[in-house]
Amino acid sequence: MTTRRASLGTLGARAGAWLVDAIPYIVAPYLAATVGGWIFALAAFLIVGIVWTILPEAHSGATPGKRLMGLRTLDLESAEPIGIRRSSVRWLVKYVVCSFLPVGYLWFLRSPSRQTLADLAARSVVVAPLPDTPAPDTQ
């Protein structure tokens, strides 16, 4: 039998994942705006949010950036992916609320479990899974 262990995602790993994940949020709306104006840019932003962030995080716990950095967003209690509803809440808080109130990101520095405001809203935690290890012998 094996046990799963994880460490909390570090500031550096989370920042690296955010930088990777930010690329389509910059490129797609810019290209859409050049074709059809701000309404197309907003639509592109929402589509990127659903396809690049919400769906992957809901099902596997990892956006492409988090996967590259070896991170996963999991339920605080069950350590399972957070599902579509909570992934959507996390995305809204992260990209809408925290864009206007950056203190939501800074909460990470104060939280003992390294949670941002988006993590708190979705009851999630970002972790770096450690390799499976054999369970201790209980005989």
C-alpha atoms as a PDB file:
ATOM      1  CA  MET A   1       0.000   0.000   0.000  1.00  0.00           C
ATOM      2  CA  THR A   2       1.224   3.536  -0.777  1.00  0.00           C
ATOM      3  CA  THR A   3       0.354   6.893   0.720  1.00  0.00           C
ATOM      4  CA  ARG A   4       0.130  10.188  -1.084  1.00  0.00           C
ATOM      5  CA  ARG A   5       1.957  13.178   0.300  1.00  0.00           C
ATOM      6  CA  ALA A   6       2.212  16.755  -0.850  1.00  0.00           C
ATOM      7  CA  SER A   7       3.879  19.984   0.106  1.00  0.00           C
ATOM      8  CA  LEU A   8       2.272  23.385  -0.220  1.00  0.00           C
ATOM      9  CA  GLY A   9       3.015  25.190  -3.475  1.00  0.00           C
ATOM     10  CA  THR A  10       5.793  27.735  -3.062  1.00  0.00           C
ATOM     11  CA  LEU A  11       5.544  31.370  -4.074  1.00  0.00           C
ATOM     12  CA  GLY A  12       8.126  30.827  -6.832  1.00  0.00           C
ATOM     13  CA  ALA A  13       6.370  27.788  -8.322  1.00  0.00           C
ATOM     14  CA  ARG A  14       2.986  29.494  -8.192  1.00  0.00           C
ATOM     15  CA  ALA A  15       4.393  32.657  -9.801  1.00  0.00           C
ATOM     16  CA  GLY A  16       5.979  30.551 -12.557  1.00  0.00           C
ATOM     17  CA  ALA A  17       2.677  28.775 -13.201  1.00  0.00           C
ATOM     18  CA  TRP A  18       0.856  32.117 -13.254  1.00  0.00           C
ATOM     19  CA  LEU A  19       3.314  33.511 -15.822  1.00  0.00           C
ATOM     20  CA  VAL A  20       2.811  30.521 -18.129  1.00  0.00           C
ATOM     21  CA  ASP A  21      -0.961  30.653 -17.686  1.00  0.00           C
ATOM     22  CA  ALA A  22      -1.010  34.416 -18.357  1.00  0.00           C
ATOM     23  CA  ILE A  23       0.288  34.060 -21.936  1.00  0.00           C
ATOM     24  CA  PRO A  24      -3.039  33.103 -23.590  1.00  0.00           C
ATOM     25  CA  TYR A  25      -4.856  35.710 -21.464  1.00  0.00           C
ATOM     26  CA  ILE A  26      -2.660  38.359 -23.083  1.00  0.00           C
ATOM     27  CA  VAL A  27      -2.343  37.006 -26.625  1.00  0.00           C
ATOM     28  CA  ALA A  28      -5.925  35.876 -27.361  1.00  0.00           C
ATOM     29  CA  PRO A  29      -7.716  39.076 -26.241  1.00  0.00           C
ATOM     30  CA  TYR A  30      -5.109  41.220 -28.030  1.00  0.00           C
ATOM     31  CA  LEU A  31      -5.598  39.335 -31.297  1.00  0.00           C
ATOM     32  CA  ALA A  32      -9.381  39.353 -30.885  1.00  0.00           C
ATOM     33  CA  ALA A  33      -9.366  43.104 -30.193  1.00  0.00           C
ATOM     34  CA  THR A  34      -7.424  43.804 -33.375  1.00  0.00           C
ATOM     35  CA  VAL A  35     -10.076  41.924 -35.357  1.00  0.00           C
ATOM     36  CA  GLY A  36     -13.299  42.975 -33.672  1.00  0.00           C
ATOM     37  CA  GLY A  37     -12.766  45.422 -30.847  1.00  0.00           C
ATOM     38  CA  TRP A  38     -13.227  45.183 -27.115  1.00  0.00           C
ATOM     39  CA  ILE A  39     -16.283  42.891 -27.230  1.00  0.00           C
ATOM     40  CA  PHE A  40     -14.222  40.266 -29.081  1.00  0.00           C
ATOM     41  CA  ALA A  41     -11.391  40.763 -26.582  1.00  0.00           C
ATOM     42  CA  LEU A  42     -13.770  40.158 -23.672  1.00  0.00           C
ATOM     43  CA  ALA A  43     -15.173  37.049 -25.375  1.00  0.00           C
ATOM     44  CA  ALA A  44     -11.635  35.759 -25.968  1.00  0.00           C
ATOM     45  CA  PHE A  45     -10.760  36.374 -22.314  1.00  0.00           C
ATOM     46  CA  LEU A  46     -13.804  34.358 -21.181  1.00  0.00           C
ATOM     47  CA  ILE A  47     -13.114  31.523 -23.636  1.00  0.00           C
ATOM     48  CA  VAL A  48      -9.486  31.308 -22.497  1.00  0.00           C
ATOM     49  CA  GLY A  49     -10.708  31.268 -18.902  1.00  0.00           C
ATOM     50  CA  ILE A  50     -13.003  28.328 -19.541  1.00  0.00           C
ATOM     51  CA  VAL A  51     -10.697  26.294 -21.793  1.00  0.00           C
ATOM     52  CA  TRP A  52      -7.268  27.100 -20.297  1.00  0.00           C
ATOM     53  CA  THR A  53      -8.100  27.418 -16.600  1.00  0.00           C
ATOM     54  CA  ILE A  54     -11.553  26.354 -15.391  1.00  0.00           C
ATOM     55  CA  LEU A  55     -11.943  22.998 -17.174  1.00  0.00           C
ATOM     56  CA  PRO A  56      -8.397  21.661 -16.633  1.00  0.00           C
ATOM     57  CA  GLU A  57      -8.362  22.753 -12.996  1.00  0.00           C
ATOM     58  CA  ALA A  58     -11.807  21.251 -12.383  1.00  0.00           C
ATOM     59  CA  HIS A  59     -10.920  17.832 -13.785  1.00  0.00           C
ATOM     60  CA  SER A  60      -7.207  17.278 -13.126  1.00  0.00           C
ATOM     61  CA  GLY A  61      -6.409  20.010 -10.621  1.00  0.00           C
ATOM     62  CA  ALA A  62      -3.808  21.559 -12.908  1.00  0.00           C
ATOM     63  CA  THR A  63      -3.782  24.301 -15.518  1.00  0.00           C
ATOM     64  CA  PRO A  64      -1.032  23.984 -18.157  1.00  0.00           C
ATOM     65  CA  GLY A  65       1.172  26.330 -16.102  1.00  0.00           C
ATOM     66  CA  LYS A  66       0.613  24.387 -12.896  1.00  0.00           C
ATOM     67  CA  ARG A  67       1.300  21.111 -14.699  1.00  0.00           C
ATOM     68  CA  LEU A  68       4.589  22.524 -15.993  1.00  0.00           C
ATOM     69  CA  MET A  69       5.553  23.650 -12.481  1.00  0.00           C
ATOM     70  CA  GLY A  70       4.420  20.389 -10.858  1.00  0.00           C
ATOM     71  CA  LEU A  71       1.491  21.908  -8.958  1.00  0.00           C
ATOM     72  CA  ARG A  72      -2.150  20.944  -8.468  1.00  0.00           C
ATOM     73  CA  THR A  73      -5.158  22.772  -7.049  1.00  0.00           C
ATOM     74  CA  LEU A  74      -7.048  20.397  -4.773  1.00  0.00           C
ATOM     75  CA  ASP A  75      -9.926  20.365  -2.318  1.00  0.00           C
ATOM     76  CA  LEU A  76      -8.734  21.388   1.113  1.00  0.00           C
ATOM     77  CA  GLU A  77     -10.365  18.392   2.821  1.00  0.00           C
ATOM     78  CA  SER A  78     -10.434  15.515   0.311  1.00  0.00           C
ATOM     79  CA  ALA A  79      -7.297  16.307  -1.753  1.00  0.00           C
ATOM     80  CA  GLU A  80      -9.320  15.727  -4.939  1.00  0.00           C
ATOM     81  CA  PRO A  81      -9.733  18.142  -7.899  1.00  0.00           C
ATOM     82  CA  ILE A  82     -12.199  20.892  -7.006  1.00  0.00           C
ATOM     83  CA  GLY A  83     -14.791  20.405  -9.765  1.00  0.00           C
ATOM     84  CA  ILE A  84     -16.340  22.831 -12.218  1.00  0.00           C
ATOM     85  CA  ARG A  85     -18.346  25.000  -9.797  1.00  0.00           C
ATOM     86  CA  ARG A  86     -15.486  25.700  -7.404  1.00  0.00           C
ATOM     87  CA  SER A  87     -13.010  26.069 -10.255  1.00  0.00           C
ATOM     88  CA  SER A  88     -15.321  28.742 -11.720  1.00  0.00           C
ATOM     89  CA  VAL A  89     -15.522  30.526  -8.353  1.00  0.00           C
ATOM     90  CA  ARG A  90     -11.743  30.372  -8.021  1.00  0.00           C
ATOM     91  CA  TRP A  91     -11.309  31.786 -11.544  1.00  0.00           C
ATOM     92  CA  LEU A  92     -13.781  34.636 -10.923  1.00  0.00           C
ATOM     93  CA  VAL A  93     -12.095  35.661  -7.695  1.00  0.00           C
ATOM     94  CA  LYS A  94      -8.596  35.269  -9.146  1.00  0.00           C
ATOM     95  CA  TYR A  95      -9.071  37.088 -12.452  1.00  0.00           C
ATOM     96  CA  VAL A  96     -11.887  39.497 -11.671  1.00  0.00           C
ATOM     97  CA  VAL A  97     -11.779  40.410  -7.977  1.00  0.00           C
ATOM     98  CA  CYS A  98      -8.017  40.150  -7.465  1.00  0.00           C
ATOM     99  CA  SER A  99      -7.392  42.182 -10.619  1.00  0.00           C
ATOM    100  CA  PHE A 100      -9.022  45.146  -8.888  1.00  0.00           C
ATOM    101  CA  LEU A 101      -7.963  44.246  -5.344  1.00  0.00           C
ATOM    102  CA  PRO A 102      -4.425  42.803  -5.572  1.00  0.00           C
ATOM    103  CA  VAL A 103      -4.470  42.216  -1.817  1.00  0.00           C
ATOM    104  CA  GLY A 104      -6.178  38.931  -2.743  1.00  0.00           C
ATOM    105  CA  TYR A 105      -2.844  37.650  -4.041  1.00  0.00           C
ATOM    106  CA  LEU A 106      -0.930  39.050  -1.084  1.00  0.00           C
ATOM    107  CA  TRP A 107      -3.085  37.001   1.279  1.00  0.00           C
ATOM    108  CA  PHE A 108      -0.765  34.117   0.296  1.00  0.00           C
ATOM    109  CA  LEU A 109       1.995  35.718   2.379  1.00  0.00           C
ATOM    110  CA  ARG A 110      -0.185  35.755   5.494  1.00  0.00           C
ATOM    111  CA  SER A 111      -1.935  32.402   5.181  1.00  0.00           C
ATOM    112  CA  PRO A 112      -0.348  29.430   7.004  1.00  0.00           C
ATOM    113  CA  SER A 113      -1.603  27.130   4.233  1.00  0.00           C
ATOM    114  CA  ARG A 114      -0.379  29.526   1.494  1.00  0.00           C
ATOM    115  CA  GLN A 115      -3.862  30.283   0.196  1.00  0.00           C
ATOM    116  CA  THR A 116      -4.805  33.321  -1.860  1.00  0.00           C
ATOM    117  CA  LEU A 117      -8.245  34.913  -1.628  1.00  0.00           C
ATOM    118  CA  ALA A 118      -9.260  32.762  -4.632  1.00  0.00           C
ATOM    119  CA  ASP A 119      -8.182  29.595  -2.792  1.00  0.00           C
ATOM    120  CA  LEU A 120     -10.159  30.629   0.285  1.00  0.00           C
ATOM    121  CA  ALA A 121     -13.274  31.314  -1.798  1.00  0.00           C
ATOM    122  CA  ALA A 122     -13.042  27.900  -3.489  1.00  0.00           C
ATOM    123  CA  ARG A 123     -11.926  26.031  -0.339  1.00  0.00           C
ATOM    124  CA  SER A 124      -8.866  24.810  -2.205  1.00  0.00           C
ATOM    125  CA  VAL A 125      -5.133  24.583  -1.712  1.00  0.00           C
ATOM    126  CA  VAL A 126      -2.291  24.508  -4.246  1.00  0.00           C
ATOM    127  CA  VAL A 127       0.148  21.682  -3.625  1.00  0.00           C
ATOM    128  CA  ALA A 128       3.210  20.077  -5.132  1.00  0.00           C
ATOM    129  CA  PRO A 129       2.547  16.327  -4.912  1.00  0.00           C
ATOM    130  CA  LEU A 130       5.463  14.281  -3.648  1.00  0.00           C
ATOM    131  CA  PRO A 131       6.196  10.808  -5.026  1.00  0.00           C
ATOM    132  CA  ASP A 132       4.139   7.940  -3.664  1.00  0.00           C
ATOM    133  CA  THR A 133       5.838   6.335  -0.727  1.00  0.00           C
ATOM    134  CA  PRO A 134       5.271   2.960   0.873  1.00  0.00           C
ATOM    135  CA  ALA A 135       2.978   3.114   3.885  1.00  0.00           C
ATOM    136  CA  PRO A 136       4.709   2.417   7.173  1.00  0.00           C
ATOM    137  CA  ASP A 137       4.542  -1.176   8.337  1.00  0.00           C
ATOM    138  CA  THR A 138       1.914  -1.352  11.091  1.00  0.00           C
ATOM    139  CA  GLN A 139       2.610  -4.872  12.293  1.00  0.00           C
END
